[in-house]
Amino acid sequence: PFWQAALLGYALVGAGCSNIVPVCYSAAGRQKTMPESVAIPAITTVGYAGILIGPAAIGFIAHVSSLELAFMIVAVMLVGVAIGGSKLRT
């Protein structure tokens, strides 16, 4: 039953992560610091940069130290995002 548990885990992660981009776009539309025509491309650029840099950074950390440490750093960063997101709620 390992593949069923993995499939359920991936489904839950996908359901949890699927709302991040729409929430970021709506927050960019509500903010008044910069025009929407600048804010939306900025968010998209940061997202694509994360897609390109993230796996390479995890691989580099895993190569230099260990895979466990690389994923521990990712987990700590995700906890930081969760805490920061709850404190910066708009």
C-alpha atoms as a PDB file:
ATOM      1  CA  PRO A   1       0.000   0.000   0.000  1.00  0.00           C
ATOM      2  CA  PHE A   2       2.986   2.355  -0.274  1.00  0.00           C
ATOM      3  CA  TRP A   3       2.025   3.760  -3.658  1.00  0.00           C
ATOM      4  CA  GLN A   4      -1.496   4.529  -2.424  1.00  0.00           C
ATOM      5  CA  ALA A   5      -0.097   6.503   0.507  1.00  0.00           C
ATOM      6  CA  ALA A   6       2.317   8.313  -1.808  1.00  0.00           C
ATOM      7  CA  LEU A   7      -0.508   9.136  -4.216  1.00  0.00           C
ATOM      8  CA  LEU A   8      -2.636  10.479  -1.364  1.00  0.00           C
ATOM      9  CA  GLY A   9       0.303  12.545  -0.110  1.00  0.00           C
ATOM     10  CA  TYR A  10       0.935  14.042  -3.539  1.00  0.00           C
ATOM     11  CA  ALA A  11      -2.770  14.835  -3.903  1.00  0.00           C
ATOM     12  CA  LEU A  12      -2.837  16.612  -0.540  1.00  0.00           C
ATOM     13  CA  VAL A  13       0.313  18.589  -1.321  1.00  0.00           C
ATOM     14  CA  GLY A  14      -1.105  19.538  -4.718  1.00  0.00           C
ATOM     15  CA  ALA A  15      -4.384  20.665  -3.173  1.00  0.00           C
ATOM     16  CA  GLY A  16      -2.522  22.722  -0.596  1.00  0.00           C
ATOM     17  CA  CYS A  17      -0.113  24.342  -3.048  1.00  0.00           C
ATOM     18  CA  SER A  18      -2.556  24.952  -5.878  1.00  0.00           C
ATOM     19  CA  ASN A  19      -3.973  28.097  -4.307  1.00  0.00           C
ATOM     20  CA  ILE A  20      -0.658  29.913  -3.837  1.00  0.00           C
ATOM     21  CA  VAL A  21      -0.454  31.592  -7.259  1.00  0.00           C
ATOM     22  CA  PRO A  22      -4.063  32.871  -7.315  1.00  0.00           C
ATOM     23  CA  VAL A  23      -3.660  34.250  -3.786  1.00  0.00           C
ATOM     24  CA  CYS A  24      -0.426  36.025  -4.774  1.00  0.00           C
ATOM     25  CA  TYR A  25      -2.040  37.504  -7.883  1.00  0.00           C
ATOM     26  CA  SER A  26      -5.064  38.758  -5.951  1.00  0.00           C
ATOM     27  CA  ALA A  27      -2.815  40.247  -3.256  1.00  0.00           C
ATOM     28  CA  ALA A  28      -0.829  42.006  -5.983  1.00  0.00           C
ATOM     29  CA  GLY A  29      -4.056  43.405  -7.366  1.00  0.00           C
ATOM     30  CA  ARG A  30      -5.110  44.759  -3.960  1.00  0.00           C
ATOM     31  CA  GLN A  31      -1.831  46.406  -2.993  1.00  0.00           C
ATOM     32  CA  LYS A  32      -1.282  50.086  -3.727  1.00  0.00           C
ATOM     33  CA  THR A  33       2.541  50.280  -3.709  1.00  0.00           C
ATOM     34  CA  MET A  34       3.070  49.583  -7.412  1.00  0.00           C
ATOM     35  CA  PRO A  35       0.776  49.381 -10.434  1.00  0.00           C
ATOM     36  CA  GLU A  36      -0.741  46.008 -11.289  1.00  0.00           C
ATOM     37  CA  SER A  37       1.074  46.069 -14.626  1.00  0.00           C
ATOM     38  CA  VAL A  38       4.365  45.923 -12.709  1.00  0.00           C
ATOM     39  CA  ALA A  39       3.313  43.775  -9.731  1.00  0.00           C
ATOM     40  CA  ILE A  40       1.984  40.769 -11.677  1.00  0.00           C
ATOM     41  CA  PRO A  41       5.108  40.367 -13.866  1.00  0.00           C
ATOM     42  CA  ALA A  42       7.278  40.769 -10.756  1.00  0.00           C
ATOM     43  CA  ILE A  43       5.443  37.921  -9.012  1.00  0.00           C
ATOM     44  CA  THR A  44       5.683  35.774 -12.141  1.00  0.00           C
ATOM     45  CA  THR A  45       9.422  36.451 -12.434  1.00  0.00           C
ATOM     46  CA  VAL A  46      10.033  35.497  -8.809  1.00  0.00           C
ATOM     47  CA  GLY A  47       8.001  32.323  -9.310  1.00  0.00           C
ATOM     48  CA  TYR A  48       9.973  31.267 -12.373  1.00  0.00           C
ATOM     49  CA  ALA A  49      13.244  32.103 -10.627  1.00  0.00           C
ATOM     50  CA  GLY A  50      12.216  29.845  -7.757  1.00  0.00           C
ATOM     51  CA  ILE A  51      11.399  27.037 -10.176  1.00  0.00           C
ATOM     52  CA  LEU A  52      14.858  27.341 -11.756  1.00  0.00           C
ATOM     53  CA  ILE A  53      16.981  28.018  -8.662  1.00  0.00           C
ATOM     54  CA  GLY A  54      15.211  25.827  -6.090  1.00  0.00           C
ATOM     55  CA  PRO A  55      16.083  22.356  -7.417  1.00  0.00           C
ATOM     56  CA  ALA A  56      19.663  23.399  -8.201  1.00  0.00           C
ATOM     57  CA  ALA A  57      20.123  24.808  -4.695  1.00  0.00           C
ATOM     58  CA  ILE A  58      18.696  21.677  -3.071  1.00  0.00           C
ATOM     59  CA  GLY A  59      20.960  19.516  -5.232  1.00  0.00           C
ATOM     60  CA  PHE A  60      24.011  21.609  -4.392  1.00  0.00           C
ATOM     61  CA  ILE A  61      23.331  21.440  -0.648  1.00  0.00           C
ATOM     62  CA  ALA A  62      22.722  17.691  -0.905  1.00  0.00           C
ATOM     63  CA  HIS A  63      25.971  17.235  -2.822  1.00  0.00           C
ATOM     64  CA  VAL A  64      28.017  19.303  -0.372  1.00  0.00           C
ATOM     65  CA  SER A  65      26.468  17.832   2.789  1.00  0.00           C
ATOM     66  CA  SER A  66      23.578  15.371   2.689  1.00  0.00           C
ATOM     67  CA  LEU A  67      20.118  14.979   1.244  1.00  0.00           C
ATOM     68  CA  GLU A  68      18.646  14.974   4.745  1.00  0.00           C
ATOM     69  CA  LEU A  69      20.160  18.389   5.491  1.00  0.00           C
ATOM     70  CA  ALA A  70      18.961  19.763   2.154  1.00  0.00           C
ATOM     71  CA  PHE A  71      15.376  18.743   2.853  1.00  0.00           C
ATOM     72  CA  MET A  72      15.628  19.924   6.460  1.00  0.00           C
ATOM     73  CA  ILE A  73      16.580  23.389   5.203  1.00  0.00           C
ATOM     74  CA  VAL A  74      13.588  23.332   2.849  1.00  0.00           C
ATOM     75  CA  ALA A  75      11.312  22.296   5.731  1.00  0.00           C
ATOM     76  CA  VAL A  76      12.626  25.087   7.969  1.00  0.00           C
ATOM     77  CA  MET A  77      12.105  27.613   5.181  1.00  0.00           C
ATOM     78  CA  LEU A  78       8.533  26.396   4.656  1.00  0.00           C
ATOM     79  CA  VAL A  79       7.810  26.778   8.369  1.00  0.00           C
ATOM     80  CA  GLY A  80       9.228  30.303   8.141  1.00  0.00           C
ATOM     81  CA  VAL A  81       6.918  31.061   5.219  1.00  0.00           C
ATOM     82  CA  ALA A  82       3.923  29.745   7.164  1.00  0.00           C
ATOM     83  CA  ILE A  83       4.776  31.852  10.207  1.00  0.00           C
ATOM     84  CA  GLY A  84       5.538  34.925   8.113  1.00  0.00           C
ATOM     85  CA  GLY A  85       2.355  34.502   6.112  1.00  0.00           C
ATOM     86  CA  SER A  86       0.214  34.392   9.222  1.00  0.00           C
ATOM     87  CA  LYS A  87       1.888  37.536  10.578  1.00  0.00           C
ATOM     88  CA  LEU A  88       1.697  39.462   7.280  1.00  0.00           C
ATOM     89  CA  ARG A  89      -1.939  38.697   6.550  1.00  0.00           C
ATOM     90  CA  THR A  90      -3.664  41.431   4.556  1.00  0.00           C
END
